[in-house]
C-alpha atoms as a PDB file:
ATOM      1  CA  MET A   1       1.491  35.484  -7.982  1.00  0.00           C
ATOM      2  CA  ILE A   2       2.901  32.395  -9.724  1.00  0.00           C
ATOM      3  CA  THR A   3       3.679  33.037 -13.369  1.00  0.00           C
ATOM      4  CA  GLU A   4       3.726  30.529 -16.210  1.00  0.00           C
ATOM      5  CA  SER A   5       7.505  30.826 -16.214  1.00  0.00           C
ATOM      6  CA  ASP A   6       7.612  29.933 -12.487  1.00  0.00           C
ATOM      7  CA  LYS A   7       5.471  26.838 -13.156  1.00  0.00           C
ATOM      8  CA  THR A   8       7.826  25.759 -15.933  1.00  0.00           C
ATOM      9  CA  VAL A   9      10.901  26.221 -13.730  1.00  0.00           C
ATOM     10  CA  ARG A  10       9.222  24.320 -10.892  1.00  0.00           C
ATOM     11  CA  GLU A  11       8.342  21.448 -13.250  1.00  0.00           C
ATOM     12  CA  ARG A  12      11.910  21.357 -14.591  1.00  0.00           C
ATOM     13  CA  LEU A  13      13.243  21.316 -11.026  1.00  0.00           C
ATOM     14  CA  ILE A  14      10.963  18.410 -10.112  1.00  0.00           C
ATOM     15  CA  GLN A  15      12.039  16.440 -13.200  1.00  0.00           C
ATOM     16  CA  ALA A  16      15.716  17.085 -12.465  1.00  0.00           C
ATOM     17  CA  GLY A  17      15.055  16.261  -8.793  1.00  0.00           C
ATOM     18  CA  LEU A  18      13.664  12.871  -9.826  1.00  0.00           C
ATOM     19  CA  GLN A  19      16.879  12.155 -11.671  1.00  0.00           C
ATOM     20  CA  GLU A  20      18.968  13.338  -8.709  1.00  0.00           C
ATOM     21  CA  LEU A  21      17.051  11.083  -6.295  1.00  0.00           C
ATOM     22  CA  SER A  22      17.406   8.183  -8.684  1.00  0.00           C
ATOM     23  CA  LEU A  23      21.162   8.622  -8.944  1.00  0.00           C
ATOM     24  CA  HIS A  24      22.065   9.647  -5.401  1.00  0.00           C
ATOM     25  CA  GLY A  25      19.184   8.782  -3.073  1.00  0.00           C
ATOM     26  CA  ILE A  26      17.937  11.014  -0.332  1.00  0.00           C
ATOM     27  CA  GLN A  27      21.140  11.148   1.709  1.00  0.00           C
ATOM     28  CA  ASP A  28      23.194  12.631  -1.122  1.00  0.00           C
ATOM     29  CA  PHE A  29      20.385  14.604  -2.769  1.00  0.00           C
ATOM     30  CA  SER A  30      21.850  17.949  -3.836  1.00  0.00           C
ATOM     31  CA  VAL A  31      19.658  20.954  -4.539  1.00  0.00           C
ATOM     32  CA  ARG A  32      22.745  22.611  -6.034  1.00  0.00           C
ATOM     33  CA  SER A  33      23.152  19.743  -8.532  1.00  0.00           C
ATOM     34  CA  VAL A  34      19.484  19.968  -9.479  1.00  0.00           C
ATOM     35  CA  ALA A  35      19.786  23.720 -10.068  1.00  0.00           C
ATOM     36  CA  SER A  36      22.896  23.150 -12.164  1.00  0.00           C
ATOM     37  CA  ALA A  37      21.114  20.492 -14.246  1.00  0.00           C
ATOM     38  CA  CYS A  38      18.355  23.045 -14.923  1.00  0.00           C
ATOM     39  CA  GLY A  39      20.839  25.791 -15.777  1.00  0.00           C
ATOM     40  CA  ILE A  40      19.632  28.128 -13.044  1.00  0.00           C
ATOM     41  CA  PRO A  41      21.404  29.749 -10.069  1.00  0.00           C
ATOM     42  CA  CYS A  42      21.839  27.478  -7.022  1.00  0.00           C
ATOM     43  CA  ALA A  43      19.539  29.681  -4.891  1.00  0.00           C
ATOM     44  CA  ALA A  44      16.690  29.614  -7.455  1.00  0.00           C
ATOM     45  CA  PRO A  45      15.084  26.341  -6.222  1.00  0.00           C
ATOM     46  CA  TYR A  46      14.396  28.020  -2.874  1.00  0.00           C
ATOM     47  CA  LYS A  47      12.013  30.365  -4.642  1.00  0.00           C
ATOM     48  CA  HIS A  48       9.856  27.275  -5.285  1.00  0.00           C
ATOM     49  CA  PHE A  49      10.614  25.069  -2.274  1.00  0.00           C
ATOM     50  CA  GLU A  50      11.139  26.019   1.351  1.00  0.00           C
ATOM     51  CA  ASP A  51      14.010  23.576   1.908  1.00  0.00           C
ATOM     52  CA  LYS A  52      15.442  20.257   0.714  1.00  0.00           C
ATOM     53  CA  ASN A  53      12.721  18.214   2.458  1.00  0.00           C
ATOM     54  CA  SER A  54       9.889  20.256   0.949  1.00  0.00           C
ATOM     55  CA  PHE A  55      11.560  19.834  -2.457  1.00  0.00           C
ATOM     56  CA  ILE A  56      11.662  16.047  -2.005  1.00  0.00           C
ATOM     57  CA  ALA A  57       8.049  16.119  -0.783  1.00  0.00           C
ATOM     58  CA  ALA A  58       7.065  17.990  -3.973  1.00  0.00           C
ATOM     59  CA  ILE A  59       8.793  15.301  -6.039  1.00  0.00           C
ATOM     60  CA  ILE A  60       6.866  12.591  -4.207  1.00  0.00           C
ATOM     61  CA  GLU A  61       3.607  14.533  -4.635  1.00  0.00           C
ATOM     62  CA  TYR A  62       4.321  14.718  -8.363  1.00  0.00           C
ATOM     63  CA  LEU A  63       4.858  10.949  -8.549  1.00  0.00           C
ATOM     64  CA  ILE A  64       1.704  10.321  -6.554  1.00  0.00           C
ATOM     65  CA  SER A  65      -0.275  12.525  -8.950  1.00  0.00           C
ATOM     66  CA  LEU A  66       1.074  10.546 -11.929  1.00  0.00           C
ATOM     67  CA  TRP A  67      -0.054   7.282 -10.356  1.00  0.00           C
ATOM     68  CA  GLU A  68      -3.391   8.612  -9.109  1.00  0.00           C
ATOM     69  CA  SER A  69      -4.249   9.964 -12.566  1.00  0.00           C
ATOM     70  CA  ARG A  70      -4.178   6.365 -13.878  1.00  0.00           C
ATOM     71  CA  ILE A  71      -6.447   4.871 -11.214  1.00  0.00           C
ATOM     72  CA  PRO A  72      -9.901   5.927 -12.551  1.00  0.00           C
ATOM     73  CA  GLU A  73      -9.227   4.324 -15.939  1.00  0.00           C
ATOM     74  CA  ILE A  74      -8.036   1.090 -14.301  1.00  0.00           C
ATOM     75  CA  MET A  75     -11.062   0.950 -11.996  1.00  0.00           C
ATOM     76  CA  ALA A  76     -13.488   1.675 -14.838  1.00  0.00           C
ATOM     77  CA  LYS A  77     -12.459  -1.543 -16.605  1.00  0.00           C
ATOM     78  CA  SER A  78     -14.194  -3.661 -13.925  1.00  0.00           C
ATOM     79  CA  PRO A  79     -16.971  -1.589 -12.360  1.00  0.00           C
ATOM     80  CA  GLY A  80     -18.410  -3.209  -9.238  1.00  0.00           C
ATOM     81  CA  ASP A  81     -15.964  -6.141  -9.250  1.00  0.00           C
ATOM     82  CA  LEU A  82     -13.637  -5.542  -6.292  1.00  0.00           C
ATOM     83  CA  ARG A  83     -11.492  -8.592  -6.917  1.00  0.00           C
ATOM     84  CA  ALA A  84     -10.890  -7.721 -10.563  1.00  0.00           C
ATOM     85  CA  GLN A  85     -10.174  -4.109  -9.581  1.00  0.00           C
ATOM     86  CA  LEU A  86      -7.641  -5.052  -6.915  1.00  0.00           C
ATOM     87  CA  THR A  87      -5.957  -7.487  -9.290  1.00  0.00           C
ATOM     88  CA  GLU A  88      -5.711  -4.894 -12.074  1.00  0.00           C
ATOM     89  CA  ILE A  89      -4.591  -2.105  -9.720  1.00  0.00           C
ATOM     90  CA  SER A  90      -1.846  -4.423  -8.468  1.00  0.00           C
ATOM     91  CA  VAL A  91      -0.709  -5.310 -11.999  1.00  0.00           C
ATOM     92  CA  GLU A  92      -0.793  -1.689 -13.152  1.00  0.00           C
ATOM     93  CA  TYR A  93       1.113  -0.598 -10.053  1.00  0.00           C
ATOM     94  CA  VAL A  94       3.869  -3.098 -10.919  1.00  0.00           C
ATOM     95  CA  LYS A  95       3.968  -1.667 -14.453  1.00  0.00           C
ATOM     96  CA  PHE A  96       4.088   1.870 -13.075  1.00  0.00           C
ATOM     97  CA  LEU A  97       6.961   0.988 -10.748  1.00  0.00           C
ATOM     98  CA  VAL A  98       8.897  -0.631 -13.599  1.00  0.00           C
ATOM     99  CA  GLN A  99       8.255   2.269 -15.972  1.00  0.00           C
ATOM    100  CA  ASN A 100       9.332   4.714 -13.259  1.00  0.00           C
ATOM    101  CA  SER A 101      12.247   2.830 -11.741  1.00  0.00           C
ATOM    102  CA  TYR A 102      13.391   5.839  -9.698  1.00  0.00           C
ATOM    103  CA  PHE A 103      10.328   5.150  -7.557  1.00  0.00           C
ATOM    104  CA  ARG A 104      12.278   2.443  -5.786  1.00  0.00           C
ATOM    105  CA  SER A 105      14.601   5.014  -4.234  1.00  0.00           C
ATOM    106  CA  ILE A 106      11.595   7.021  -3.097  1.00  0.00           C
ATOM    107  CA  ILE A 107       9.562   4.097  -1.780  1.00  0.00           C
ATOM    108  CA  MET A 108      12.588   2.830   0.145  1.00  0.00           C
ATOM    109  CA  LEU A 109      13.433   6.334   1.307  1.00  0.00           C
ATOM    110  CA  LYS A 110      14.548   6.304   4.914  1.00  0.00           C
ATOM    111  CA  ASP A 111      15.378   9.596   6.556  1.00  0.00           C
ATOM    112  CA  PRO A 112      14.176  10.444  10.082  1.00  0.00           C
ATOM    113  CA  ASP A 113      13.993  14.192   9.402  1.00  0.00           C
ATOM    114  CA  PHE A 114      11.977  13.692   6.236  1.00  0.00           C
ATOM    115  CA  ASP A 115       9.742  11.041   7.777  1.00  0.00           C
ATOM    116  CA  GLN A 116       8.807  13.263  10.729  1.00  0.00           C
ATOM    117  CA  GLN A 117       7.919  16.172   8.478  1.00  0.00           C
ATOM    118  CA  HIS A 118       6.073  14.212   5.792  1.00  0.00           C
ATOM    119  CA  ALA A 119       4.783  11.058   7.489  1.00  0.00           C
ATOM    120  CA  GLY A 120       2.476   9.037   5.294  1.00  0.00           C
ATOM    121  CA  LEU A 121       3.261  10.774   2.014  1.00  0.00           C
ATOM    122  CA  ARG A 122       4.833   7.690   0.418  1.00  0.00           C
ATOM    123  CA  HIS A 123       2.044   5.455   1.702  1.00  0.00           C
ATOM    124  CA  ARG A 124      -0.406   7.241  -0.581  1.00  0.00           C
ATOM    125  CA  LEU A 125       1.250   5.457  -3.513  1.00  0.00           C
ATOM    126  CA  SER A 126      -0.078   2.075  -2.446  1.00  0.00           C
ATOM    127  CA  ASN A 127      -3.244   3.317  -0.765  1.00  0.00           C
ATOM    128  CA  THR A 128      -5.615   2.223  -3.540  1.00  0.00           C
ATOM    129  CA  ALA A 129      -4.370  -1.377  -3.580  1.00  0.00           C
ATOM    130  CA  HIS A 130      -4.436  -1.428   0.225  1.00  0.00           C
ATOM    131  CA  THR A 131      -8.026  -0.138   0.308  1.00  0.00           C
ATOM    132  CA  LEU A 132      -9.238  -2.569  -2.367  1.00  0.00           C
ATOM    133  CA  VAL A 133      -7.703  -5.561  -0.582  1.00  0.00           C
ATOM    134  CA  ARG A 134      -9.432  -4.524   2.659  1.00  0.00           C
ATOM    135  CA  GLU A 135     -12.778  -3.898   0.913  1.00  0.00           C
ATOM    136  CA  TYR A 136     -12.666  -7.226  -0.901  1.00  0.00           C
ATOM    137  CA  CYS A 137     -11.688  -9.156   2.221  1.00  0.00           C
ATOM    138  CA  ARG A 138     -14.509  -7.552   4.187  1.00  0.00           C
ATOM    139  CA  SER A 139     -16.988  -8.299   1.380  1.00  0.00           C
ATOM    140  CA  VAL A 140     -16.232 -12.031   1.719  1.00  0.00           C
ATOM    141  CA  ASP A 141     -16.092 -11.909   5.545  1.00  0.00           C
ATOM    142  CA  MET A 142     -12.386 -12.654   5.941  1.00  0.00           C
ATOM    143  CA  PRO A 143     -11.115 -12.339   9.493  1.00  0.00           C
ATOM    144  CA  GLU A 144      -8.816  -9.383  10.253  1.00  0.00           C
ATOM    145  CA  ASP A 145      -5.717 -11.576  10.631  1.00  0.00           C
ATOM    146  CA  VAL A 146      -6.305 -13.197   7.228  1.00  0.00           C
ATOM    147  CA  MET A 147      -6.921  -9.773   5.702  1.00  0.00           C
ATOM    148  CA  ALA A 148      -3.603  -8.518   7.117  1.00  0.00           C
ATOM    149  CA  TYR A 149      -1.865 -11.588   5.668  1.00  0.00           C
ATOM    150  CA  LYS A 150      -3.467 -11.060   2.231  1.00  0.00           C
ATOM    151  CA  LEU A 151      -2.401  -7.429   2.251  1.00  0.00           C
ATOM    152  CA  TYR A 152       1.174  -8.456   3.087  1.00  0.00           C
ATOM    153  CA  ILE A 153       1.205 -11.039   0.265  1.00  0.00           C
ATOM    154  CA  VAL A 154      -0.198  -8.635  -2.348  1.00  0.00           C
ATOM    155  CA  ARG A 155       2.255  -5.877  -1.398  1.00  0.00           C
ATOM    156  CA  SER A 156       5.120  -8.397  -1.495  1.00  0.00           C
ATOM    157  CA  LEU A 157       4.031  -9.559  -4.951  1.00  0.00           C
ATOM    158  CA  ILE A 158       3.858  -5.992  -6.238  1.00  0.00           C
ATOM    159  CA  TYR A 159       7.225  -4.819  -4.922  1.00  0.00           C
ATOM    160  CA  GLY A 160       8.953  -8.147  -5.527  1.00  0.00           C
ATOM    161  CA  ALA A 161       7.802  -8.355  -9.144  1.00  0.00           C
ATOM    162  CA  ALA A 162       8.751  -4.729  -9.825  1.00  0.00           C
ATOM    163  CA  LEU A 163      12.212  -5.293  -8.377  1.00  0.00           C
ATOM    164  CA  MET A 164      12.731  -8.529 -10.292  1.00  0.00           C
ATOM    165  CA  PHE A 165      11.703  -6.875 -13.567  1.00  0.00           C
ATOM    166  CA  ASP A 166      13.792  -3.799 -12.840  1.00  0.00           C
ATOM    167  CA  ASN A 167      17.004  -5.660 -12.022  1.00  0.00           C
ATOM    168  CA  GLY A 168      16.617  -8.093 -14.948  1.00  0.00           C
ATOM    169  CA  GLU A 169      16.001 -11.167 -12.829  1.00  0.00           C
ATOM    170  CA  MET A 170      12.770 -11.650 -14.788  1.00  0.00           C
ATOM    171  CA  GLU A 171      12.055 -10.405 -18.277  1.00  0.00           C
ATOM    172  CA  TYR A 172       9.528  -7.571 -18.327  1.00  0.00           C
ATOM    173  CA  SER A 173       7.016  -9.128 -20.694  1.00  0.00           C
ATOM    174  CA  GLU A 174       3.289  -9.645 -21.064  1.00  0.00           C
ATOM    175  CA  LYS A 175       3.764 -13.316 -20.203  1.00  0.00           C
ATOM    176  CA  ASN A 176       5.412 -12.477 -16.889  1.00  0.00           C
ATOM    177  CA  MET A 177       2.874  -9.736 -16.172  1.00  0.00           C
ATOM    178  CA  ALA A 178       0.214 -12.428 -16.661  1.00  0.00           C
ATOM    179  CA  TYR A 179       2.002 -14.406 -13.923  1.00  0.00           C
ATOM    180  CA  VAL A 180       1.738 -11.404 -11.614  1.00  0.00           C
ATOM    181  CA  ARG A 181      -1.966 -11.061 -12.411  1.00  0.00           C
ATOM    182  CA  GLN A 182      -2.502 -14.773 -11.811  1.00  0.00           C
ATOM    183  CA  ALA A 183      -0.568 -14.746  -8.518  1.00  0.00           C
ATOM    184  CA  VAL A 184      -2.478 -11.767  -7.119  1.00  0.00           C
ATOM    185  CA  ASN A 185      -5.847 -13.167  -8.196  1.00  0.00           C
ATOM    186  CA  ARG A 186      -5.023 -16.687  -6.951  1.00  0.00           C
ATOM    187  CA  GLU A 187      -4.102 -15.364  -3.517  1.00  0.00           C
ATOM    188  CA  PHE A 188      -7.778 -14.697  -2.880  1.00  0.00           C
ATOM    189  CA  ASP A 189      -8.710 -18.322  -3.664  1.00  0.00           C
ATOM    190  CA  LEU A 190      -6.404 -19.491  -0.883  1.00  0.00           C
ATOM    191  CA  PRO A 191      -7.435 -19.661   2.782  1.00  0.00           C
END
């Protein structure tokens, strides 16, 4: 039986694990360092997670849940308007990535052992935008190759903008977020 205390420790471990991933990436991720940051014995995390990979998977699941909890509110702003929904999901995803900059280390995570065990977990983060682009393109009878191109462009805009804001290449401001919104929306006016 999981106690309230166990839930609190698990949540603290996930928060400290986010920081550890942000600072050291997956290759140098240390469960021992996370335990130390939480002030618990180094074996304690294994009460909550089977191994290092399941710990990292739990961190990613936590991040996915944060993002997914925002989606219904975003979608509700433009009911029935796929193009407006995909534009706003894209803009909000950029904001989410900027506000949670440690995401970059998780999205870019490359580890064969982790990938085999948890294939597709990271892809859930962008699944809503991906689905909306496909639904919109199908609703206006875009050919599959054009749809694939549009998906590539939108994903590039999202990740490129987040990176540029995060590294200071562009100021993170409402004006520049309006540029992101305009670029995503405009892409669907182009052939």
